[in-house]
């Protein structure tokens, strides 16, 4: 009964906003696997997905009252999850760069020679090798079964942009040598 899900979510969101803790707990129970699964697809790491899912649950408690119902609750929730994954990557990149530079400056580590970077790349699957814009579109449309419009709303781009990105994803994945070159 997919048509009943948005109505159920709307009812639970309204009750949770009104202070019903059981309704909020039910929303988390119903959508936690989607949050975690999307976070795992975006990061390629179960540990990062655990962290992001926990963050999204906290964010949801803070932002639920701002849900206006202009999109399906699941679409809105996917947007929060995508943003939380981006925030985690940004924080890690910033902190990692600082600690790497400090380690080199203090003599605890030698300057990277490029081979370390190659070995550390987590992109092993075809989707993970795509540029972030293509990867995010593919994960939302193919992985989360969102419409092009819903994905566009989450990513803040035009629906036509998502359609083009999905076309490019299919083209790149179909190309024999496409796995070796970044999309």
N, C-alpha and C. Protein backbone atom coordinates (compact mmCIF):
# COMPACT_ATOMS: atom_id res chain seq x y z
N UNK A 1 0.81 -1.20 0.00
CA UNK A 1 0.00 0.00 0.00
C UNK A 1 0.85 1.26 0.00
N UNK A 2 1.56 1.53 -1.07
CA UNK A 2 2.41 2.71 -1.11
C UNK A 2 1.64 4.01 -0.96
N UNK A 3 0.37 4.07 -1.42
CA UNK A 3 -0.41 5.29 -1.32
C UNK A 3 -0.75 5.63 0.13
N UNK A 4 -0.80 4.64 0.99
CA UNK A 4 -1.13 4.87 2.40
C UNK A 4 0.06 5.43 3.18
N UNK A 5 1.28 5.21 2.67
CA UNK A 5 2.47 5.65 3.39
C UNK A 5 2.54 7.16 3.57
N UNK A 6 2.31 7.98 2.53
CA UNK A 6 2.35 9.43 2.75
C UNK A 6 1.30 9.91 3.75
N UNK A 7 0.12 9.30 3.71
CA UNK A 7 -0.93 9.67 4.67
C UNK A 7 -0.52 9.30 6.09
N UNK A 8 0.05 8.10 6.24
CA UNK A 8 0.52 7.66 7.55
C UNK A 8 1.61 8.60 8.05
N UNK A 9 2.56 8.94 7.17
CA UNK A 9 3.65 9.84 7.56
C UNK A 9 3.10 11.20 7.95
N UNK A 10 2.16 11.73 7.18
CA UNK A 10 1.58 13.04 7.48
C UNK A 10 0.92 13.03 8.86
N UNK A 11 0.19 11.96 9.15
CA UNK A 11 -0.47 11.82 10.44
C UNK A 11 0.55 11.75 11.57
N UNK A 12 1.60 10.94 11.37
CA UNK A 12 2.63 10.79 12.40
C UNK A 12 3.42 12.07 12.61
N UNK A 13 3.74 12.77 11.52
CA UNK A 13 4.48 14.03 11.62
C UNK A 13 3.67 15.04 12.41
N UNK A 14 2.38 15.17 12.10
CA UNK A 14 1.52 16.12 12.82
C UNK A 14 1.47 15.77 14.30
N UNK A 15 1.33 14.50 14.62
CA UNK A 15 1.28 14.08 16.02
C UNK A 15 2.61 14.34 16.72
N UNK A 16 3.71 14.06 16.03
CA UNK A 16 5.04 14.27 16.62
C UNK A 16 5.29 15.75 16.87
N UNK A 17 4.89 16.59 15.93
CA UNK A 17 5.06 18.03 16.11
C UNK A 17 4.25 18.52 17.30
N UNK A 18 3.09 17.89 17.51
CA UNK A 18 2.23 18.26 18.64
C UNK A 18 2.76 17.72 19.97
N UNK A 19 3.87 16.98 19.93
CA UNK A 19 4.49 16.52 21.16
C UNK A 19 4.31 15.05 21.46
N UNK A 20 3.73 14.30 20.56
CA UNK A 20 3.51 12.86 20.76
C UNK A 20 4.82 12.12 20.52
N UNK A 21 5.45 11.70 21.61
CA UNK A 21 6.74 11.02 21.51
C UNK A 21 6.63 9.66 20.84
N UNK A 22 5.50 8.99 21.05
CA UNK A 22 5.31 7.69 20.41
C UNK A 22 5.23 7.84 18.89
N UNK A 23 4.61 8.91 18.42
CA UNK A 23 4.52 9.17 16.97
C UNK A 23 5.92 9.43 16.41
N UNK A 24 6.73 10.19 17.14
CA UNK A 24 8.10 10.45 16.69
C UNK A 24 8.90 9.15 16.64
N UNK A 25 8.75 8.34 17.67
CA UNK A 25 9.45 7.05 17.71
C UNK A 25 9.01 6.17 16.54
N UNK A 26 7.74 6.20 16.22
CA UNK A 26 7.23 5.41 15.10
C UNK A 26 7.80 5.91 13.77
N UNK A 27 7.91 7.23 13.60
CA UNK A 27 8.55 7.77 12.39
C UNK A 27 9.98 7.26 12.26
N UNK A 28 10.72 7.29 13.35
CA UNK A 28 12.10 6.80 13.32
C UNK A 28 12.14 5.31 13.00
N UNK A 29 11.25 4.55 13.63
CA UNK A 29 11.22 3.10 13.38
C UNK A 29 10.92 2.81 11.91
N UNK A 30 9.97 3.52 11.35
CA UNK A 30 9.55 3.28 9.97
C UNK A 30 10.61 3.69 8.94
N UNK A 31 11.40 4.72 9.25
CA UNK A 31 12.29 5.30 8.25
C UNK A 31 13.78 5.13 8.54
N UNK A 32 14.13 4.53 9.66
CA UNK A 32 15.54 4.40 10.01
C UNK A 32 16.33 3.61 8.95
N UNK A 33 15.78 2.52 8.49
CA UNK A 33 16.50 1.70 7.50
C UNK A 33 16.76 2.48 6.22
N UNK A 34 15.82 3.32 5.81
CA UNK A 34 16.01 4.15 4.61
C UNK A 34 17.14 5.15 4.85
N UNK A 35 17.12 5.79 6.01
CA UNK A 35 18.16 6.77 6.36
C UNK A 35 19.52 6.09 6.34
N UNK A 36 19.62 4.98 7.04
CA UNK A 36 20.90 4.27 7.15
C UNK A 36 21.35 3.75 5.79
N UNK A 37 20.45 3.18 5.03
CA UNK A 37 20.79 2.65 3.72
C UNK A 37 21.28 3.72 2.77
N UNK A 38 20.60 4.86 2.76
CA UNK A 38 21.03 5.97 1.91
C UNK A 38 22.40 6.49 2.35
N UNK A 39 22.59 6.63 3.65
CA UNK A 39 23.89 7.09 4.17
C UNK A 39 25.00 6.11 3.78
N UNK A 40 24.70 4.83 3.81
CA UNK A 40 25.69 3.81 3.45
C UNK A 40 26.01 3.90 1.97
N UNK A 41 24.99 4.11 1.15
CA UNK A 41 25.22 4.25 -0.29
C UNK A 41 26.06 5.49 -0.59
N UNK A 42 25.81 6.56 0.14
CA UNK A 42 26.52 7.81 -0.11
C UNK A 42 27.97 7.77 0.34
N UNK A 43 28.25 7.02 1.41
CA UNK A 43 29.60 7.03 1.98
C UNK A 43 30.39 5.77 1.68
N UNK A 44 29.73 4.67 1.43
CA UNK A 44 30.43 3.41 1.22
C UNK A 44 30.96 2.81 2.50
N UNK A 45 30.52 3.32 3.64
CA UNK A 45 31.05 2.86 4.92
C UNK A 45 29.91 2.66 5.91
N UNK A 46 29.87 1.48 6.50
CA UNK A 46 28.83 1.20 7.49
C UNK A 46 29.01 2.10 8.73
N UNK A 47 30.26 2.29 9.14
CA UNK A 47 30.52 3.12 10.32
C UNK A 47 30.06 4.56 10.08
N UNK A 48 30.36 5.09 8.89
CA UNK A 48 29.90 6.44 8.57
C UNK A 48 28.38 6.48 8.48
N UNK A 49 27.79 5.44 7.93
CA UNK A 49 26.33 5.38 7.84
C UNK A 49 25.72 5.38 9.23
N UNK A 50 26.33 4.67 10.16
CA UNK A 50 25.84 4.66 11.55
C UNK A 50 25.88 6.08 12.12
N UNK A 51 27.00 6.77 11.92
CA UNK A 51 27.15 8.14 12.44
C UNK A 51 26.13 9.08 11.80
N UNK A 52 25.98 8.97 10.49
CA UNK A 52 25.05 9.86 9.78
C UNK A 52 23.62 9.58 10.21
N UNK A 53 23.26 8.31 10.33
CA UNK A 53 21.89 7.96 10.75
C UNK A 53 21.60 8.52 12.13
N UNK A 54 22.57 8.44 13.02
CA UNK A 54 22.40 9.00 14.36
C UNK A 54 22.23 10.52 14.28
N UNK A 55 23.04 11.18 13.46
CA UNK A 55 22.92 12.62 13.28
C UNK A 55 21.55 12.99 12.72
N UNK A 56 21.09 12.23 11.73
CA UNK A 56 19.80 12.53 11.10
C UNK A 56 18.67 12.39 12.12
N UNK A 57 18.75 11.40 12.98
CA UNK A 57 17.72 11.25 14.01
C UNK A 57 17.68 12.48 14.93
N UNK A 58 18.84 12.99 15.28
CA UNK A 58 18.90 14.20 16.11
C UNK A 58 18.40 15.42 15.34
N UNK A 59 18.82 15.53 14.09
CA UNK A 59 18.38 16.65 13.24
C UNK A 59 16.88 16.60 13.06
N UNK A 60 16.35 15.40 12.88
CA UNK A 60 14.91 15.23 12.69
C UNK A 60 14.14 15.77 13.90
N UNK A 61 14.64 15.52 15.09
CA UNK A 61 13.98 16.02 16.29
C UNK A 61 13.96 17.56 16.29
N UNK A 62 15.04 18.16 15.78
CA UNK A 62 15.13 19.62 15.75
C UNK A 62 14.32 20.25 14.61
N UNK A 63 14.29 19.58 13.45
CA UNK A 63 13.72 20.20 12.25
C UNK A 63 12.34 19.72 11.86
N UNK A 64 11.80 18.76 12.57
CA UNK A 64 10.51 18.19 12.17
C UNK A 64 9.43 19.24 12.05
N UNK A 65 9.44 20.20 12.95
CA UNK A 65 8.42 21.26 12.91
C UNK A 65 8.53 22.12 11.66
N UNK A 66 9.68 22.09 10.99
CA UNK A 66 9.84 22.89 9.77
C UNK A 66 9.36 22.15 8.52
N UNK A 67 8.96 20.89 8.67
CA UNK A 67 8.44 20.14 7.52
C UNK A 67 7.10 20.74 7.12
N UNK A 68 7.03 21.25 5.87
CA UNK A 68 5.84 21.94 5.40
C UNK A 68 4.94 21.06 4.55
N UNK A 69 5.38 19.88 4.23
CA UNK A 69 4.55 18.97 3.45
C UNK A 69 4.51 19.30 1.96
N UNK A 70 5.45 20.13 1.49
CA UNK A 70 5.50 20.45 0.06
C UNK A 70 6.01 19.27 -0.76
N UNK A 71 6.75 18.38 -0.13
CA UNK A 71 7.22 17.15 -0.75
C UNK A 71 6.79 16.01 0.17
N UNK A 72 6.94 14.78 -0.31
CA UNK A 72 6.67 13.65 0.57
C UNK A 72 7.67 13.69 1.73
N UNK A 73 7.25 13.19 2.87
CA UNK A 73 8.12 13.15 4.03
C UNK A 73 9.41 12.39 3.71
N UNK A 74 9.31 11.28 2.98
CA UNK A 74 10.49 10.49 2.66
C UNK A 74 11.46 11.28 1.78
N UNK A 75 10.95 12.10 0.89
CA UNK A 75 11.82 12.93 0.05
C UNK A 75 12.54 13.96 0.91
N UNK A 76 11.80 14.61 1.78
CA UNK A 76 12.37 15.59 2.70
C UNK A 76 13.44 14.93 3.57
N UNK A 77 13.15 13.73 4.06
CA UNK A 77 14.09 13.00 4.91
C UNK A 77 15.35 12.60 4.15
N UNK A 78 15.20 12.22 2.88
CA UNK A 78 16.37 11.92 2.05
C UNK A 78 17.25 13.16 1.89
N UNK A 79 16.62 14.32 1.74
CA UNK A 79 17.38 15.56 1.64
C UNK A 79 18.20 15.83 2.88
N UNK A 80 17.60 15.60 4.03
CA UNK A 80 18.33 15.78 5.29
C UNK A 80 19.50 14.80 5.37
N UNK A 81 19.27 13.58 4.93
CA UNK A 81 20.33 12.56 4.97
C UNK A 81 21.47 12.92 4.02
N UNK A 82 21.16 13.36 2.82
CA UNK A 82 22.19 13.78 1.86
C UNK A 82 23.01 14.92 2.45
N UNK A 83 22.35 15.90 3.03
CA UNK A 83 23.06 17.03 3.64
C UNK A 83 23.94 16.59 4.80
N UNK A 84 23.44 15.65 5.62
CA UNK A 84 24.23 15.16 6.75
C UNK A 84 25.47 14.42 6.25
N UNK A 85 25.34 13.67 5.15
CA UNK A 85 26.51 12.97 4.58
C UNK A 85 27.52 13.97 4.04
N UNK A 86 27.03 15.01 3.38
CA UNK A 86 27.93 16.05 2.87
C UNK A 86 28.65 16.75 4.02
N UNK A 87 27.91 17.05 5.08
CA UNK A 87 28.52 17.71 6.24
C UNK A 87 29.61 16.85 6.86
N UNK A 88 29.35 15.55 6.99
CA UNK A 88 30.35 14.65 7.56
C UNK A 88 31.61 14.64 6.69
N UNK A 89 31.44 14.56 5.37
CA UNK A 89 32.59 14.56 4.47
C UNK A 89 33.38 15.86 4.60
N UNK A 90 32.65 16.99 4.67
CA UNK A 90 33.30 18.29 4.80
C UNK A 90 34.09 18.38 6.10
N UNK A 91 33.48 17.96 7.21
CA UNK A 91 34.16 18.01 8.50
C UNK A 91 35.40 17.13 8.50
N UNK A 92 35.27 15.94 7.94
CA UNK A 92 36.40 15.01 7.91
C UNK A 92 37.52 15.55 7.04
N UNK A 93 37.15 16.09 5.88
CA UNK A 93 38.16 16.61 4.96
C UNK A 93 38.92 17.76 5.63
N UNK A 94 38.20 18.63 6.29
CA UNK A 94 38.81 19.77 6.95
C UNK A 94 39.71 19.32 8.09
N UNK A 95 39.22 18.44 8.94
CA UNK A 95 39.97 17.95 10.09
C UNK A 95 41.15 17.10 9.63
N UNK A 96 40.92 16.25 8.63
CA UNK A 96 41.99 15.39 8.13
C UNK A 96 43.12 16.22 7.53
N UNK A 97 42.78 17.23 6.76
CA UNK A 97 43.81 18.08 6.18
C UNK A 97 44.65 18.76 7.24
N UNK A 98 44.00 19.24 8.28
CA UNK A 98 44.71 19.89 9.38
C UNK A 98 45.63 18.91 10.10
N UNK A 99 45.12 17.74 10.45
CA UNK A 99 45.94 16.77 11.18
C UNK A 99 47.08 16.25 10.31
N UNK A 100 46.84 16.07 9.01
CA UNK A 100 47.91 15.62 8.12
C UNK A 100 49.03 16.66 8.05
N UNK A 101 48.65 17.92 7.91
CA UNK A 101 49.67 18.99 7.84
C UNK A 101 50.44 19.10 9.15
N UNK A 102 49.72 18.98 10.28
CA UNK A 102 50.40 19.04 11.58
C UNK A 102 51.37 17.87 11.75
N UNK A 103 50.96 16.68 11.31
CA UNK A 103 51.83 15.51 11.43
C UNK A 103 53.11 15.69 10.62
N UNK A 104 53.01 16.27 9.43
CA UNK A 104 54.19 16.52 8.60
C UNK A 104 55.06 17.59 9.25
N UNK A 105 54.43 18.67 9.73
CA UNK A 105 55.19 19.77 10.35
C UNK A 105 55.93 19.33 11.60
N UNK A 106 55.33 18.44 12.38
CA UNK A 106 55.96 18.01 13.62
C UNK A 106 56.91 16.83 13.43
N UNK A 107 56.99 16.34 12.19
CA UNK A 107 57.91 15.24 11.91
C UNK A 107 57.34 13.88 12.23
N UNK A 108 56.07 13.79 12.57
CA UNK A 108 55.47 12.50 12.87
C UNK A 108 55.11 11.72 11.61
N UNK A 109 55.07 12.39 10.49
CA UNK A 109 54.74 11.73 9.22
C UNK A 109 55.51 12.40 8.10
N UNK A 110 55.77 11.63 7.06
CA UNK A 110 56.43 12.22 5.89
C UNK A 110 55.36 12.74 4.94
N UNK A 111 55.75 13.64 4.08
CA UNK A 111 54.80 14.21 3.12
C UNK A 111 54.30 13.11 2.19
N UNK A 112 53.03 13.13 1.83
CA UNK A 112 52.48 12.09 0.96
C UNK A 112 53.12 12.14 -0.42
N UNK A 113 53.29 10.95 -1.03
CA UNK A 113 53.94 10.88 -2.34
C UNK A 113 52.95 10.51 -3.45
N UNK A 114 51.70 10.42 -3.17
CA UNK A 114 50.71 10.12 -4.20
C UNK A 114 50.25 8.68 -4.17
N UNK A 115 51.15 7.74 -3.86
CA UNK A 115 50.75 6.33 -3.81
C UNK A 115 49.79 6.09 -2.65
N UNK A 116 50.01 6.79 -1.52
CA UNK A 116 49.12 6.62 -0.37
C UNK A 116 47.70 7.04 -0.74
N UNK A 117 47.60 8.13 -1.49
CA UNK A 117 46.30 8.62 -1.89
C UNK A 117 45.57 7.59 -2.73
N UNK A 118 46.26 7.01 -3.70
CA UNK A 118 45.64 6.00 -4.58
C UNK A 118 45.15 4.81 -3.77
N UNK A 119 45.97 4.32 -2.86
CA UNK A 119 45.59 3.15 -2.06
C UNK A 119 44.45 3.45 -1.12
N UNK A 120 44.27 4.70 -0.74
CA UNK A 120 43.24 5.05 0.21
C UNK A 120 41.88 5.34 -0.40
N UNK A 121 41.78 5.35 -1.69
CA UNK A 121 40.50 5.68 -2.34
C UNK A 121 39.49 4.57 -2.08
N UNK A 122 38.34 4.94 -1.58
CA UNK A 122 37.32 3.95 -1.23
C UNK A 122 36.41 3.62 -2.41
N UNK A 123 36.57 4.34 -3.52
CA UNK A 123 35.66 4.13 -4.64
C UNK A 123 35.95 2.83 -5.36
N UNK A 124 35.20 1.80 -5.04
CA UNK A 124 35.44 0.49 -5.63
C UNK A 124 34.32 0.08 -6.59
N UNK A 125 33.14 0.54 -6.36
CA UNK A 125 32.04 0.15 -7.24
C UNK A 125 31.89 1.16 -8.37
N UNK A 126 31.15 0.81 -9.38
CA UNK A 126 30.97 1.70 -10.54
C UNK A 126 30.32 3.01 -10.11
N UNK A 127 29.35 2.98 -9.26
CA UNK A 127 28.67 4.19 -8.81
C UNK A 127 29.63 5.06 -8.01
N UNK A 128 30.43 4.43 -7.19
CA UNK A 128 31.35 5.20 -6.34
C UNK A 128 32.43 5.91 -7.16
N UNK A 129 32.69 5.44 -8.39
CA UNK A 129 33.69 6.09 -9.23
C UNK A 129 33.16 7.32 -9.94
N UNK A 130 31.88 7.55 -9.86
CA UNK A 130 31.30 8.72 -10.53
C UNK A 130 31.58 10.00 -9.75
N UNK A 131 31.56 11.12 -10.45
CA UNK A 131 31.66 12.42 -9.77
C UNK A 131 30.49 12.54 -8.81
N UNK A 132 30.64 13.31 -7.73
CA UNK A 132 29.58 13.40 -6.73
C UNK A 132 28.20 13.78 -7.29
N UNK A 133 28.15 14.69 -8.22
CA UNK A 133 26.84 15.09 -8.76
C UNK A 133 26.15 13.92 -9.43
N UNK A 134 26.90 13.12 -10.19
CA UNK A 134 26.33 11.94 -10.85
C UNK A 134 26.01 10.87 -9.81
N UNK A 135 26.93 10.65 -8.87
CA UNK A 135 26.74 9.63 -7.84
C UNK A 135 25.50 9.94 -7.01
N UNK A 136 25.35 11.20 -6.58
CA UNK A 136 24.20 11.56 -5.76
C UNK A 136 22.90 11.36 -6.53
N UNK A 137 22.88 11.77 -7.79
CA UNK A 137 21.67 11.59 -8.61
C UNK A 137 21.35 10.10 -8.76
N UNK A 138 22.36 9.29 -9.05
CA UNK A 138 22.14 7.85 -9.23
C UNK A 138 21.65 7.19 -7.95
N UNK A 139 22.21 7.57 -6.83
CA UNK A 139 21.81 6.97 -5.56
C UNK A 139 20.37 7.35 -5.23
N UNK A 140 20.01 8.60 -5.45
CA UNK A 140 18.64 9.02 -5.13
C UNK A 140 17.62 8.41 -6.08
N UNK A 141 17.92 8.41 -7.39
CA UNK A 141 16.95 7.92 -8.37
C UNK A 141 16.93 6.39 -8.41
N UNK A 142 18.09 5.78 -8.58
CA UNK A 142 18.14 4.32 -8.71
C UNK A 142 18.12 3.63 -7.34
N UNK A 143 18.88 4.15 -6.41
CA UNK A 143 18.98 3.50 -5.10
C UNK A 143 17.79 3.75 -4.20
N UNK A 144 17.26 4.97 -4.21
CA UNK A 144 16.15 5.32 -3.32
C UNK A 144 14.81 5.36 -4.04
N UNK A 145 14.82 5.14 -5.35
CA UNK A 145 13.61 5.10 -6.15
C UNK A 145 12.82 6.41 -6.11
N UNK A 146 13.53 7.53 -6.01
CA UNK A 146 12.88 8.83 -6.04
C UNK A 146 12.66 9.24 -7.49
N UNK A 147 11.70 10.10 -7.72
CA UNK A 147 11.49 10.63 -9.06
C UNK A 147 12.60 11.63 -9.36
N UNK A 148 12.73 11.97 -10.64
CA UNK A 148 13.73 12.98 -11.02
C UNK A 148 13.41 14.30 -10.33
N UNK A 149 12.14 14.64 -10.20
CA UNK A 149 11.75 15.89 -9.54
C UNK A 149 12.14 15.86 -8.06
N UNK A 150 11.86 14.76 -7.39
CA UNK A 150 12.20 14.66 -5.97
C UNK A 150 13.72 14.77 -5.77
N UNK A 151 14.48 14.08 -6.61
CA UNK A 151 15.94 14.17 -6.52
C UNK A 151 16.41 15.59 -6.80
N UNK A 152 15.79 16.24 -7.78
CA UNK A 152 16.16 17.62 -8.12
C UNK A 152 15.90 18.54 -6.94
N UNK A 153 14.76 18.37 -6.28
CA UNK A 153 14.44 19.20 -5.11
C UNK A 153 15.46 19.02 -4.00
N UNK A 154 15.87 17.78 -3.76
CA UNK A 154 16.85 17.50 -2.71
C UNK A 154 18.20 18.11 -3.04
N UNK A 155 18.62 17.97 -4.30
CA UNK A 155 19.95 18.44 -4.70
C UNK A 155 19.98 19.90 -5.10
N UNK A 156 18.81 20.53 -5.18
CA UNK A 156 18.75 21.95 -5.50
C UNK A 156 19.10 22.27 -6.95
N UNK A 157 18.69 21.38 -7.85
CA UNK A 157 18.94 21.59 -9.28
C UNK A 157 17.63 21.40 -10.04
N UNK A 158 17.66 21.69 -11.32
CA UNK A 158 16.47 21.52 -12.16
C UNK A 158 16.23 20.03 -12.42
N UNK A 159 14.96 19.69 -12.62
CA UNK A 159 14.61 18.30 -12.92
C UNK A 159 15.32 17.83 -14.19
N UNK A 160 15.45 18.71 -15.17
CA UNK A 160 16.15 18.36 -16.41
C UNK A 160 17.61 18.02 -16.14
N UNK A 161 18.21 18.66 -15.15
CA UNK A 161 19.59 18.36 -14.79
C UNK A 161 19.71 16.93 -14.29
N UNK A 162 18.76 16.49 -13.48
CA UNK A 162 18.77 15.11 -12.98
C UNK A 162 18.59 14.15 -14.15
N UNK A 163 17.69 14.48 -15.06
CA UNK A 163 17.49 13.62 -16.24
C UNK A 163 18.78 13.50 -17.04
N UNK A 164 19.47 14.60 -17.24
CA UNK A 164 20.73 14.58 -17.98
C UNK A 164 21.78 13.78 -17.22
N UNK A 165 21.87 13.99 -15.90
CA UNK A 165 22.86 13.26 -15.11
C UNK A 165 22.60 11.75 -15.18
N UNK A 166 21.33 11.34 -15.12
CA UNK A 166 21.02 9.92 -15.19
C UNK A 166 21.36 9.36 -16.57
N UNK A 167 21.14 10.15 -17.60
CA UNK A 167 21.53 9.73 -18.95
C UNK A 167 23.05 9.52 -19.01
N UNK A 168 23.79 10.46 -18.45
CA UNK A 168 25.25 10.36 -18.43
C UNK A 168 25.72 9.17 -17.61
N UNK A 169 25.06 8.92 -16.49
CA UNK A 169 25.42 7.77 -15.65
C UNK A 169 25.27 6.48 -16.46
N UNK A 170 24.14 6.34 -17.15
CA UNK A 170 23.92 5.14 -17.97
C UNK A 170 24.98 5.03 -19.06
N UNK A 171 25.28 6.14 -19.70
CA UNK A 171 26.29 6.14 -20.77
C UNK A 171 27.66 5.76 -20.23
N UNK A 172 28.04 6.34 -19.11
CA UNK A 172 29.36 6.07 -18.54
C UNK A 172 29.49 4.63 -18.06
N UNK A 173 28.44 4.12 -17.46
CA UNK A 173 28.50 2.75 -16.96
C UNK A 173 28.47 1.74 -18.10
N UNK A 174 27.85 2.11 -19.20
CA UNK A 174 27.77 1.20 -20.36
C UNK A 174 29.07 1.19 -21.16
N UNK A 175 29.82 2.28 -21.08
CA UNK A 175 31.06 2.36 -21.85
C UNK A 175 32.06 1.33 -21.32
N UNK A 176 32.68 0.61 -22.18
CA UNK A 176 33.61 -0.46 -21.79
C UNK A 176 34.74 0.06 -20.91
N UNK A 177 35.34 1.18 -21.29
CA UNK A 177 36.46 1.72 -20.53
C UNK A 177 36.05 2.74 -19.50
N UNK A 178 34.75 2.93 -19.29
CA UNK A 178 34.26 3.98 -18.40
C UNK A 178 34.66 3.81 -16.96
N UNK A 179 34.98 2.59 -16.54
CA UNK A 179 35.33 2.38 -15.14
C UNK A 179 36.67 2.99 -14.79
N UNK A 180 37.53 3.15 -15.80
CA UNK A 180 38.85 3.67 -15.50
C UNK A 180 38.89 5.20 -15.44
N UNK A 181 37.92 5.85 -16.07
CA UNK A 181 37.94 7.31 -16.06
C UNK A 181 36.83 7.82 -15.20
N UNK A 182 37.11 8.87 -14.43
CA UNK A 182 36.10 9.46 -13.56
C UNK A 182 35.08 10.18 -14.38
N UNK A 183 33.81 10.03 -13.99
CA UNK A 183 32.73 10.70 -14.72
C UNK A 183 32.66 12.10 -14.32
